[in-house]
């Protein structure tokens, strides 16, 4: 994510298998990343 005048910052990531996820400390516990490879789609629940 990016706010005007600020650097782009990491929010969340997920491995190709979906077995490993990472979150920025600022969103941990609130955001959830997931993916549906059959649909070629990724999601971020906030």
ModelCIF file with pLDDT and N, C-alpha, C, O atoms, coordinates in Angstrom:
data_MODEL
#
_entry.id   MODEL 
#
_entity.id                         1 
_entity.type                       polymer 
_entity.pdbx_number_of_molecules   1 
#
_entity_poly.entity_id                      1 
_entity_poly.type                           'polypeptide(L)' 
_entity_poly.nstd_linkage                   no 
_entity_poly.nstd_monomer                   no 
_entity_poly.pdbx_seq_one_letter_code       
;(UNK)(UNK)(UNK)(UNK)(UNK)(UNK)(UNK)(UNK)(UNK)(UNK)(UNK)(UNK)(UNK)(UNK)(UNK)(UNK)
(UNK)(UNK)(UNK)(UNK)(UNK)(UNK)(UNK)(UNK)(UNK)(UNK)(UNK)(UNK)(UNK)(UNK)(UNK)(UNK)
(UNK)(UNK)(UNK)(UNK)(UNK)(UNK)(UNK)(UNK)(UNK)(UNK)(UNK)(UNK)(UNK)(UNK)
;
_entity_poly.pdbx_seq_one_letter_code_can   XXXXXXXXXXXXXXXXXXXXXXXXXXXXXXXXXXXXXXXXXXXXXX 
_entity_poly.pdbx_strand_id                 A 
#
loop_
_entity_poly_seq.entity_id 
_entity_poly_seq.num 
_entity_poly_seq.mon_id 
_entity_poly_seq.hetero 
1 1  UNK n 
1 2  UNK n 
1 3  UNK n 
1 4  UNK n 
1 5  UNK n 
1 6  UNK n 
1 7  UNK n 
1 8  UNK n 
1 9  UNK n 
1 10 UNK n 
1 11 UNK n 
1 12 UNK n 
1 13 UNK n 
1 14 UNK n 
1 15 UNK n 
1 16 UNK n 
1 17 UNK n 
1 18 UNK n 
1 19 UNK n 
1 20 UNK n 
1 21 UNK n 
1 22 UNK n 
1 23 UNK n 
1 24 UNK n 
1 25 UNK n 
1 26 UNK n 
1 27 UNK n 
1 28 UNK n 
1 29 UNK n 
1 30 UNK n 
1 31 UNK n 
1 32 UNK n 
1 33 UNK n 
1 34 UNK n 
1 35 UNK n 
1 36 UNK n 
1 37 UNK n 
1 38 UNK n 
1 39 UNK n 
1 40 UNK n 
1 41 UNK n 
1 42 UNK n 
1 43 UNK n 
1 44 UNK n 
1 45 UNK n 
1 46 UNK n 
#
_struct_asym.id          A 
_struct_asym.entity_id   1 
#
loop_
_ma_qa_metric.id 
_ma_qa_metric.mode 
_ma_qa_metric.name 
_ma_qa_metric.software_group_id 
_ma_qa_metric.type 
1 global pLDDT . pLDDT 
2 local  pLDDT . pLDDT 
#
_ma_qa_metric_global.metric_id      1 
_ma_qa_metric_global.metric_value   93.85 
_ma_qa_metric_global.model_id       1 
_ma_qa_metric_global.ordinal_id     1 
#
loop_
_ma_qa_metric_local.label_asym_id 
_ma_qa_metric_local.label_comp_id 
_ma_qa_metric_local.label_seq_id 
_ma_qa_metric_local.metric_id 
_ma_qa_metric_local.metric_value 
_ma_qa_metric_local.model_id 
_ma_qa_metric_local.ordinal_id 
A UNK 1  2 98.00 1 1  
A UNK 2  2 97.00 1 2  
A UNK 3  2 96.00 1 3  
A UNK 4  2 90.00 1 4  
A UNK 5  2 89.00 1 5  
A UNK 6  2 93.00 1 6  
A UNK 7  2 93.00 1 7  
A UNK 8  2 95.00 1 8  
A UNK 9  2 97.00 1 9  
A UNK 10 2 98.00 1 10 
A UNK 11 2 98.00 1 11 
A UNK 12 2 98.00 1 12 
A UNK 13 2 97.00 1 13 
A UNK 14 2 95.00 1 14 
A UNK 15 2 90.00 1 15 
A UNK 16 2 84.00 1 16 
A UNK 17 2 81.00 1 17 
A UNK 18 2 82.00 1 18 
A UNK 19 2 86.00 1 19 
A UNK 20 2 92.00 1 20 
A UNK 21 2 95.00 1 21 
A UNK 22 2 97.00 1 22 
A UNK 23 2 98.00 1 23 
A UNK 24 2 98.00 1 24 
A UNK 25 2 98.00 1 25 
A UNK 26 2 97.00 1 26 
A UNK 27 2 98.00 1 27 
A UNK 28 2 98.00 1 28 
A UNK 29 2 98.00 1 29 
A UNK 30 2 98.00 1 30 
A UNK 31 2 98.00 1 31 
A UNK 32 2 98.00 1 32 
A UNK 33 2 97.00 1 33 
A UNK 34 2 96.00 1 34 
A UNK 35 2 93.00 1 35 
A UNK 36 2 90.00 1 36 
A UNK 37 2 84.00 1 37 
A UNK 38 2 86.00 1 38 
A UNK 39 2 88.00 1 39 
A UNK 40 2 86.00 1 40 
A UNK 41 2 92.00 1 41 
A UNK 42 2 94.00 1 42 
A UNK 43 2 97.00 1 43 
A UNK 44 2 98.00 1 44 
A UNK 45 2 98.00 1 45 
A UNK 46 2 98.00 1 46 
#
loop_
_atom_site.group_PDB 
_atom_site.id 
_atom_site.type_symbol 
_atom_site.label_atom_id 
_atom_site.label_alt_id 
_atom_site.label_comp_id 
_atom_site.label_asym_id 
_atom_site.label_entity_id 
_atom_site.label_seq_id 
_atom_site.pdbx_PDB_ins_code 
_atom_site.Cartn_x 
_atom_site.Cartn_y 
_atom_site.Cartn_z 
_atom_site.occupancy 
_atom_site.B_iso_or_equiv 
_atom_site.pdbx_formal_charge 
_atom_site.auth_seq_id 
_atom_site.auth_comp_id 
_atom_site.auth_asym_id 
_atom_site.auth_atom_id 
_atom_site.pdbx_PDB_model_num 
ATOM 1   N N  . UNK A 1 1  ? 0.837   -1.195  0.000   1.00 98.00 ? 1  UNK A N  1 
ATOM 2   C CA . UNK A 1 1  ? 0.000   0.000   0.000   1.00 98.00 ? 1  UNK A CA 1 
ATOM 3   C C  . UNK A 1 1  ? 0.868   1.239   0.000   1.00 98.00 ? 1  UNK A C  1 
ATOM 4   O O  . UNK A 1 1  ? 2.022   1.216   0.429   1.00 98.00 ? 1  UNK A O  1 
ATOM 5   N N  . UNK A 1 2  ? 0.283   2.334   -0.496  1.00 97.00 ? 2  UNK A N  1 
ATOM 6   C CA . UNK A 1 2  ? 1.029   3.576   -0.595  1.00 97.00 ? 2  UNK A CA 1 
ATOM 7   C C  . UNK A 1 2  ? 0.117   4.768   -0.354  1.00 97.00 ? 2  UNK A C  1 
ATOM 8   O O  . UNK A 1 2  ? -0.987  4.844   -0.893  1.00 97.00 ? 2  UNK A O  1 
ATOM 9   N N  . UNK A 1 3  ? 0.592   5.689   0.459   1.00 96.00 ? 3  UNK A N  1 
ATOM 10  C CA . UNK A 1 3  ? -0.073  6.953   0.743   1.00 96.00 ? 3  UNK A CA 1 
ATOM 11  C C  . UNK A 1 3  ? 0.707   8.057   0.042   1.00 96.00 ? 3  UNK A C  1 
ATOM 12  O O  . UNK A 1 3  ? 1.935   7.996   -0.008  1.00 96.00 ? 3  UNK A O  1 
ATOM 13  N N  . UNK A 1 4  ? 0.019   9.077   -0.507  1.00 90.00 ? 4  UNK A N  1 
ATOM 14  C CA . UNK A 1 4  ? 0.739   10.158  -1.181  1.00 90.00 ? 4  UNK A CA 1 
ATOM 15  C C  . UNK A 1 4  ? 1.848   10.746  -0.319  1.00 90.00 ? 4  UNK A C  1 
ATOM 16  O O  . UNK A 1 4  ? 1.639   11.075  0.849   1.00 90.00 ? 4  UNK A O  1 
ATOM 17  N N  . UNK A 1 5  ? 3.028   10.874  -0.915  1.00 89.00 ? 5  UNK A N  1 
ATOM 18  C CA . UNK A 1 5  ? 4.166   11.427  -0.209  1.00 89.00 ? 5  UNK A CA 1 
ATOM 19  C C  . UNK A 1 5  ? 4.949   10.433  0.623   1.00 89.00 ? 5  UNK A C  1 
ATOM 20  O O  . UNK A 1 5  ? 5.941   10.801  1.252   1.00 89.00 ? 5  UNK A O  1 
ATOM 21  N N  . UNK A 1 6  ? 4.526   9.190   0.640   1.00 93.00 ? 6  UNK A N  1 
ATOM 22  C CA . UNK A 1 6  ? 5.209   8.170   1.419   1.00 93.00 ? 6  UNK A CA 1 
ATOM 23  C C  . UNK A 1 6  ? 5.622   7.003   0.534   1.00 93.00 ? 6  UNK A C  1 
ATOM 24  O O  . UNK A 1 6  ? 5.087   6.814   -0.559  1.00 93.00 ? 6  UNK A O  1 
ATOM 25  N N  . UNK A 1 7  ? 6.578   6.227   1.021   1.00 93.00 ? 7  UNK A N  1 
ATOM 26  C CA . UNK A 1 7  ? 7.048   5.062   0.293   1.00 93.00 ? 7  UNK A CA 1 
ATOM 27  C C  . UNK A 1 7  ? 6.018   3.941   0.354   1.00 93.00 ? 7  UNK A C  1 
ATOM 28  O O  . UNK A 1 7  ? 5.241   3.836   1.303   1.00 93.00 ? 7  UNK A O  1 
ATOM 29  N N  . UNK A 1 8  ? 6.030   3.124   -0.663  1.00 95.00 ? 8  UNK A N  1 
ATOM 30  C CA . UNK A 1 8  ? 5.179   1.949   -0.687  1.00 95.00 ? 8  UNK A CA 1 
ATOM 31  C C  . UNK A 1 8  ? 5.616   0.987   0.417   1.00 95.00 ? 8  UNK A C  1 
ATOM 32  O O  . UNK A 1 8  ? 6.810   0.741   0.585   1.00 95.00 ? 8  UNK A O  1 
ATOM 33  N N  . UNK A 1 9  ? 4.673   0.452   1.157   1.00 97.00 ? 9  UNK A N  1 
ATOM 34  C CA . UNK A 1 9  ? 4.995   -0.434  2.257   1.00 97.00 ? 9  UNK A CA 1 
ATOM 35  C C  . UNK A 1 9  ? 4.343   -1.807  2.100   1.00 97.00 ? 9  UNK A C  1 
ATOM 36  O O  . UNK A 1 9  ? 3.266   -1.950  1.522   1.00 97.00 ? 9  UNK A O  1 
ATOM 37  N N  . UNK A 1 10 ? 5.023   -2.785  2.625   1.00 98.00 ? 10 UNK A N  1 
ATOM 38  C CA . UNK A 1 10 ? 4.541   -4.153  2.612   1.00 98.00 ? 10 UNK A CA 1 
ATOM 39  C C  . UNK A 1 10 ? 3.351   -4.311  3.538   1.00 98.00 ? 10 UNK A C  1 
ATOM 40  O O  . UNK A 1 10 ? 3.330   -3.749  4.633   1.00 98.00 ? 10 UNK A O  1 
ATOM 41  N N  . UNK A 1 11 ? 2.357   -5.076  3.099   1.00 98.00 ? 11 UNK A N  1 
ATOM 42  C CA . UNK A 1 11 ? 1.173   -5.349  3.903   1.00 98.00 ? 11 UNK A CA 1 
ATOM 43  C C  . UNK A 1 11 ? 1.061   -6.835  4.232   1.00 98.00 ? 11 UNK A C  1 
ATOM 44  O O  . UNK A 1 11 ? 0.989   -7.211  5.402   1.00 98.00 ? 11 UNK A O  1 
ATOM 45  N N  . UNK A 1 12 ? 1.047   -7.673  3.207   1.00 98.00 ? 12 UNK A N  1 
ATOM 46  C CA . UNK A 1 12 ? 0.875   -9.110  3.405   1.00 98.00 ? 12 UNK A CA 1 
ATOM 47  C C  . UNK A 1 12 ? 1.372   -9.855  2.186   1.00 98.00 ? 12 UNK A C  1 
ATOM 48  O O  . UNK A 1 12 ? 1.443   -9.296  1.091   1.00 98.00 ? 12 UNK A O  1 
ATOM 49  N N  . UNK A 1 13 ? 1.719   -11.130 2.376   1.00 97.00 ? 13 UNK A N  1 
ATOM 50  C CA . UNK A 1 13 ? 2.165   -11.964 1.271   1.00 97.00 ? 13 UNK A CA 1 
ATOM 51  C C  . UNK A 1 13 ? 1.801   -13.410 1.542   1.00 97.00 ? 13 UNK A C  1 
ATOM 52  O O  . UNK A 1 13 ? 1.597   -13.810 2.688   1.00 97.00 ? 13 UNK A O  1 
ATOM 53  N N  . UNK A 1 14 ? 1.723   -14.189 0.475   1.00 95.00 ? 14 UNK A N  1 
ATOM 54  C CA . UNK A 1 14 ? 1.388   -15.600 0.581   1.00 95.00 ? 14 UNK A CA 1 
ATOM 55  C C  . UNK A 1 14 ? 2.212   -16.384 -0.430  1.00 95.00 ? 14 UNK A C  1 
ATOM 56  O O  . UNK A 1 14 ? 2.405   -15.940 -1.562  1.00 95.00 ? 14 UNK A O  1 
ATOM 57  N N  . UNK A 1 15 ? 2.695   -17.549 -0.021  1.00 90.00 ? 15 UNK A N  1 
ATOM 58  C CA . UNK A 1 15 ? 3.506   -18.381 -0.894  1.00 90.00 ? 15 UNK A CA 1 
ATOM 59  C C  . UNK A 1 15 ? 2.663   -18.989 -2.006  1.00 90.00 ? 15 UNK A C  1 
ATOM 60  O O  . UNK A 1 15 ? 1.434   -18.929 -1.972  1.00 90.00 ? 15 UNK A O  1 
ATOM 61  N N  . UNK A 1 16 ? 3.329   -19.569 -2.982  1.00 84.00 ? 16 UNK A N  1 
ATOM 62  C CA . UNK A 1 16 ? 2.607   -20.133 -4.129  1.00 84.00 ? 16 UNK A CA 1 
ATOM 63  C C  . UNK A 1 16 ? 1.662   -21.252 -3.723  1.00 84.00 ? 16 UNK A C  1 
ATOM 64  O O  . UNK A 1 16 ? 0.620   -21.444 -4.350  1.00 84.00 ? 16 UNK A O  1 
ATOM 65  N N  . UNK A 1 17 ? 2.013   -21.985 -2.689  1.00 81.00 ? 17 UNK A N  1 
ATOM 66  C CA . UNK A 1 17 ? 1.172   -23.086 -2.227  1.00 81.00 ? 17 UNK A CA 1 
ATOM 67  C C  . UNK A 1 17 ? 0.070   -22.625 -1.279  1.00 81.00 ? 17 UNK A C  1 
ATOM 68  O O  . UNK A 1 17 ? -0.880  -23.363 -1.019  1.00 81.00 ? 17 UNK A O  1 
ATOM 69  N N  . UNK A 1 18 ? 0.198   -21.413 -0.769  1.00 82.00 ? 18 UNK A N  1 
ATOM 70  C CA . UNK A 1 18 ? -0.744  -20.911 0.214   1.00 82.00 ? 18 UNK A CA 1 
ATOM 71  C C  . UNK A 1 18 ? -0.429  -21.347 1.626   1.00 82.00 ? 18 UNK A C  1 
ATOM 72  O O  . UNK A 1 18 ? -1.167  -21.022 2.556   1.00 82.00 ? 18 UNK A O  1 
ATOM 73  N N  . UNK A 1 19 ? 0.658   -22.081 1.800   1.00 86.00 ? 19 UNK A N  1 
ATOM 74  C CA . UNK A 1 19 ? 0.980   -22.623 3.100   1.00 86.00 ? 19 UNK A CA 1 
ATOM 75  C C  . UNK A 1 19 ? 1.720   -21.683 4.029   1.00 86.00 ? 19 UNK A C  1 
ATOM 76  O O  . UNK A 1 19 ? 1.811   -21.940 5.229   1.00 86.00 ? 19 UNK A O  1 
ATOM 77  N N  . UNK A 1 20 ? 2.248   -20.600 3.489   1.00 92.00 ? 20 UNK A N  1 
ATOM 78  C CA . UNK A 1 20 ? 3.007   -19.652 4.286   1.00 92.00 ? 20 UNK A CA 1 
ATOM 79  C C  . UNK A 1 20 ? 2.495   -18.244 4.027   1.00 92.00 ? 20 UNK A C  1 
ATOM 80  O O  . UNK A 1 20 ? 2.328   -17.839 2.876   1.00 92.00 ? 20 UNK A O  1 
ATOM 81  N N  . UNK A 1 21 ? 2.249   -17.506 5.090   1.00 95.00 ? 21 UNK A N  1 
ATOM 82  C CA . UNK A 1 21 ? 1.798   -16.119 4.972   1.00 95.00 ? 21 UNK A CA 1 
ATOM 83  C C  . UNK A 1 21 ? 2.659   -15.210 5.826   1.00 95.00 ? 21 UNK A C  1 
ATOM 84  O O  . UNK A 1 21 ? 3.254   -15.642 6.813   1.00 95.00 ? 21 UNK A O  1 
ATOM 85  N N  . UNK A 1 22 ? 2.718   -13.951 5.436   1.00 97.00 ? 22 UNK A N  1 
ATOM 86  C CA . UNK A 1 22 ? 3.470   -12.934 6.154   1.00 97.00 ? 22 UNK A CA 1 
ATOM 87  C C  . UNK A 1 22 ? 2.613   -11.683 6.258   1.00 97.00 ? 22 UNK A C  1 
ATOM 88  O O  . UNK A 1 22 ? 1.838   -11.373 5.354   1.00 97.00 ? 22 UNK A O  1 
ATOM 89  N N  . UNK A 1 23 ? 2.758   -10.967 7.367   1.00 98.00 ? 23 UNK A N  1 
ATOM 90  C CA . UNK A 1 23 ? 1.999   -9.746  7.580   1.00 98.00 ? 23 UNK A CA 1 
ATOM 91  C C  . UNK A 1 23 ? 2.872   -8.675  8.205   1.00 98.00 ? 23 UNK A C  1 
ATOM 92  O O  . UNK A 1 23 ? 3.753   -8.961  9.017   1.00 98.00 ? 23 UNK A O  1 
ATOM 93  N N  . UNK A 1 24 ? 2.613   -7.450  7.815   1.00 98.00 ? 24 UNK A N  1 
ATOM 94  C CA . UNK A 1 24 ? 3.218   -6.332  8.518   1.00 98.00 ? 24 UNK A CA 1 
ATOM 95  C C  . UNK A 1 24 ? 2.666   -6.284  9.932   1.00 98.00 ? 24 UNK A C  1 
ATOM 96  O O  . UNK A 1 24 ? 1.509   -6.634  10.164  1.00 98.00 ? 24 UNK A O  1 
ATOM 97  N N  . UNK A 1 25 ? 3.490   -5.853  10.873  1.00 98.00 ? 25 UNK A N  1 
ATOM 98  C CA . UNK A 1 25 ? 3.056   -5.797  12.262  1.00 98.00 ? 25 UNK A CA 1 
ATOM 99  C C  . UNK A 1 25 ? 1.830   -4.901  12.444  1.00 98.00 ? 25 UNK A C  1 
ATOM 100 O O  . UNK A 1 25 ? 1.003   -5.149  13.321  1.00 98.00 ? 25 UNK A O  1 
ATOM 101 N N  . UNK A 1 26 ? 1.718   -3.886  11.638  1.00 97.00 ? 26 UNK A N  1 
ATOM 102 C CA . UNK A 1 26 ? 0.622   -2.942  11.771  1.00 97.00 ? 26 UNK A CA 1 
ATOM 103 C C  . UNK A 1 26 ? -0.737  -3.526  11.399  1.00 97.00 ? 26 UNK A C  1 
ATOM 104 O O  . UNK A 1 26 ? -1.771  -2.981  11.786  1.00 97.00 ? 26 UNK A O  1 
ATOM 105 N N  . UNK A 1 27 ? -0.746  -4.632  10.651  1.00 98.00 ? 27 UNK A N  1 
ATOM 106 C CA . UNK A 1 27 ? -2.004  -5.234  10.223  1.00 98.00 ? 27 UNK A CA 1 
ATOM 107 C C  . UNK A 1 27 ? -2.212  -6.629  10.777  1.00 98.00 ? 27 UNK A C  1 
ATOM 108 O O  . UNK A 1 27 ? -3.280  -7.212  10.591  1.00 98.00 ? 27 UNK A O  1 
ATOM 109 N N  . UNK A 1 28 ? -1.224  -7.171  11.447  1.00 98.00 ? 28 UNK A N  1 
ATOM 110 C CA . UNK A 1 28 ? -1.316  -8.532  11.973  1.00 98.00 ? 28 UNK A CA 1 
ATOM 111 C C  . UNK A 1 28 ? -2.501  -8.666  12.923  1.00 98.00 ? 28 UNK A C  1 
ATOM 112 O O  . UNK A 1 28 ? -2.696  -7.844  13.818  1.00 98.00 ? 28 UNK A O  1 
ATOM 113 N N  . UNK A 1 29 ? -3.283  -9.711  12.712  1.00 98.00 ? 29 UNK A N  1 
ATOM 114 C CA . UNK A 1 29 ? -4.466  -9.937  13.516  1.00 98.00 ? 29 UNK A CA 1 
ATOM 115 C C  . UNK A 1 29 ? -5.710  -9.284  12.969  1.00 98.00 ? 29 UNK A C  1 
ATOM 116 O O  . UNK A 1 29 ? -6.816  -9.603  13.404  1.00 98.00 ? 29 UNK A O  1 
ATOM 117 N N  . UNK A 1 30 ? -5.556  -8.371  12.020  1.00 98.00 ? 30 UNK A N  1 
ATOM 118 C CA . UNK A 1 30 ? -6.692  -7.680  11.418  1.00 98.00 ? 30 UNK A CA 1 
ATOM 119 C C  . UNK A 1 30 ? -6.900  -8.045  9.951   1.00 98.00 ? 30 UNK A C  1 
ATOM 120 O O  . UNK A 1 30 ? -8.033  -8.129  9.479   1.00 98.00 ? 30 UNK A O  1 
ATOM 121 N N  . UNK A 1 31 ? -5.802  -8.260  9.239   1.00 98.00 ? 31 UNK A N  1 
ATOM 122 C CA . UNK A 1 31 ? -5.864  -8.579  7.817   1.00 98.00 ? 31 UNK A CA 1 
ATOM 123 C C  . UNK A 1 31 ? -5.561  -10.051 7.598   1.00 98.00 ? 31 UNK A C  1 
ATOM 124 O O  . UNK A 1 31 ? -4.856  -10.674 8.392   1.00 98.00 ? 31 UNK A O  1 
ATOM 125 N N  . UNK A 1 32 ? -6.094  -10.598 6.526   1.00 98.00 ? 32 UNK A N  1 
ATOM 126 C CA . UNK A 1 32 ? -5.843  -11.985 6.171   1.00 98.00 ? 32 UNK A CA 1 
ATOM 127 C C  . UNK A 1 32 ? -5.707  -12.113 4.657   1.00 98.00 ? 32 UNK A C  1 
ATOM 128 O O  . UNK A 1 32 ? -6.588  -11.687 3.911   1.00 98.00 ? 32 UNK A O  1 
ATOM 129 N N  . UNK A 1 33 ? -4.604  -12.700 4.208   1.00 97.00 ? 33 UNK A N  1 
ATOM 130 C CA . UNK A 1 33 ? -4.377  -12.910 2.786   1.00 97.00 ? 33 UNK A CA 1 
ATOM 131 C C  . UNK A 1 33 ? -4.702  -14.356 2.433   1.00 97.00 ? 33 UNK A C  1 
ATOM 132 O O  . UNK A 1 33 ? -4.443  -15.271 3.215   1.00 97.00 ? 33 UNK A O  1 
ATOM 133 N N  . UNK A 1 34 ? -5.268  -14.549 1.257   1.00 96.00 ? 34 UNK A N  1 
ATOM 134 C CA . UNK A 1 34 ? -5.584  -15.886 0.787   1.00 96.00 ? 34 UNK A CA 1 
ATOM 135 C C  . UNK A 1 34 ? -5.514  -15.906 -0.734  1.00 96.00 ? 34 UNK A C  1 
ATOM 136 O O  . UNK A 1 34 ? -5.374  -14.864 -1.374  1.00 96.00 ? 34 UNK A O  1 
ATOM 137 N N  . UNK A 1 35 ? -5.614  -17.100 -1.302  1.00 93.00 ? 35 UNK A N  1 
ATOM 138 C CA . UNK A 1 35 ? -5.573  -17.206 -2.756  1.00 93.00 ? 35 UNK A CA 1 
ATOM 139 C C  . UNK A 1 35 ? -6.391  -18.389 -3.220  1.00 93.00 ? 35 UNK A C  1 
ATOM 140 O O  . UNK A 1 35 ? -6.593  -19.359 -2.489  1.00 93.00 ? 35 UNK A O  1 
ATOM 141 N N  . UNK A 1 36 ? -6.856  -18.289 -4.449  1.00 90.00 ? 36 UNK A N  1 
ATOM 142 C CA . UNK A 1 36 ? -7.583  -19.359 -5.110  1.00 90.00 ? 36 UNK A CA 1 
ATOM 143 C C  . UNK A 1 36 ? -6.913  -19.550 -6.456  1.00 90.00 ? 36 UNK A C  1 
ATOM 144 O O  . UNK A 1 36 ? -7.208  -18.836 -7.415  1.00 90.00 ? 36 UNK A O  1 
ATOM 145 N N  . UNK A 1 37 ? -6.017  -20.511 -6.524  1.00 84.00 ? 37 UNK A N  1 
ATOM 146 C CA . UNK A 1 37 ? -5.235  -20.701 -7.745  1.00 84.00 ? 37 UNK A CA 1 
ATOM 147 C C  . UNK A 1 37 ? -6.093  -21.138 -8.930  1.00 84.00 ? 37 UNK A C  1 
ATOM 148 O O  . UNK A 1 37 ? -5.774  -20.826 -10.077 1.00 84.00 ? 37 UNK A O  1 
ATOM 149 N N  . UNK A 1 38 ? -7.171  -21.853 -8.659  1.00 86.00 ? 38 UNK A N  1 
ATOM 150 C CA . UNK A 1 38 ? -8.062  -22.270 -9.732  1.00 86.00 ? 38 UNK A CA 1 
ATOM 151 C C  . UNK A 1 38 ? -8.700  -21.067 -10.417 1.00 86.00 ? 38 UNK A C  1 
ATOM 152 O O  . UNK A 1 38 ? -8.990  -21.112 -11.613 1.00 86.00 ? 38 UNK A O  1 
ATOM 153 N N  . UNK A 1 39 ? -8.920  -19.994 -9.664  1.00 88.00 ? 39 UNK A N  1 
ATOM 154 C CA . UNK A 1 39 ? -9.503  -18.767 -10.196 1.00 88.00 ? 39 UNK A CA 1 
ATOM 155 C C  . UNK A 1 39 ? -8.453  -17.725 -10.552 1.00 88.00 ? 39 UNK A C  1 
ATOM 156 O O  . UNK A 1 39 ? -8.784  -16.645 -11.039 1.00 88.00 ? 39 UNK A O  1 
ATOM 157 N N  . UNK A 1 40 ? -7.192  -18.048 -10.309 1.00 86.00 ? 40 UNK A N  1 
ATOM 158 C CA . UNK A 1 40 ? -6.107  -17.103 -10.575 1.00 86.00 ? 40 UNK A CA 1 
ATOM 159 C C  . UNK A 1 40 ? -6.343  -15.779 -9.850  1.00 86.00 ? 40 UNK A C  1 
ATOM 160 O O  . UNK A 1 40 ? -6.174  -14.700 -10.419 1.00 86.00 ? 40 UNK A O  1 
ATOM 161 N N  . UNK A 1 41 ? -6.734  -15.887 -8.595  1.00 92.00 ? 41 UNK A N  1 
ATOM 162 C CA . UNK A 1 41 ? -7.132  -14.717 -7.817  1.00 92.00 ? 41 UNK A CA 1 
ATOM 163 C C  . UNK A 1 41 ? -6.546  -14.766 -6.414  1.00 92.00 ? 41 UNK A C  1 
ATOM 164 O O  . UNK A 1 41 ? -6.477  -15.828 -5.794  1.00 92.00 ? 41 UNK A O  1 
ATOM 165 N N  . UNK A 1 42 ? -6.128  -13.611 -5.922  1.00 94.00 ? 42 UNK A N  1 
ATOM 166 C CA . UNK A 1 42 ? -5.692  -13.458 -4.546  1.00 94.00 ? 42 UNK A CA 1 
ATOM 167 C C  . UNK A 1 42 ? -6.618  -12.480 -3.845  1.00 94.00 ? 42 UNK A C  1 
ATOM 168 O O  . UNK A 1 42 ? -7.251  -11.642 -4.487  1.00 94.00 ? 42 UNK A O  1 
ATOM 169 N N  . UNK A 1 43 ? -6.694  -12.589 -2.521  1.00 97.00 ? 43 UNK A N  1 
ATOM 170 C CA . UNK A 1 43 ? -7.601  -11.769 -1.738  1.00 97.00 ? 43 UNK A CA 1 
ATOM 171 C C  . UNK A 1 43 ? -6.892  -11.173 -0.531  1.00 97.00 ? 43 UNK A C  1 
ATOM 172 O O  . UNK A 1 43 ? -5.908  -11.721 -0.035  1.00 97.00 ? 43 UNK A O  1 
ATOM 173 N N  . UNK A 1 44 ? -7.404  -10.058 -0.075  1.00 98.00 ? 44 UNK A N  1 
ATOM 174 C CA . UNK A 1 44 ? -6.958  -9.468  1.174   1.00 98.00 ? 44 UNK A CA 1 
ATOM 175 C C  . UNK A 1 44 ? -8.197  -9.064  1.961   1.00 98.00 ? 44 UNK A C  1 
ATOM 176 O O  . UNK A 1 44 ? -8.865  -8.086  1.626   1.00 98.00 ? 44 UNK A O  1 
ATOM 177 N N  . UNK A 1 45 ? -8.498  -9.820  3.002   1.00 98.00 ? 45 UNK A N  1 
ATOM 178 C CA . UNK A 1 45 ? -9.605  -9.500  3.884   1.00 98.00 ? 45 UNK A CA 1 
ATOM 179 C C  . UNK A 1 45 ? -9.104  -8.542  4.949   1.00 98.00 ? 45 UNK A C  1 
ATOM 180 O O  . UNK A 1 45 ? -8.149  -8.848  5.663   1.00 98.00 ? 45 UNK A O  1 
ATOM 181 N N  . UNK A 1 46 ? -9.737  -7.391  5.058   1.00 98.00 ? 46 UNK A N  1 
ATOM 182 C CA . UNK A 1 46 ? -9.317  -6.352  5.985   1.00 98.00 ? 46 UNK A CA 1 
ATOM 183 C C  . UNK A 1 46 ? -10.430 -6.101  6.989   1.00 98.00 ? 46 UNK A C  1 
ATOM 184 O O  . UNK A 1 46 ? -10.286 -5.256  7.872   1.00 98.00 ? 46 UNK A O  1 
#
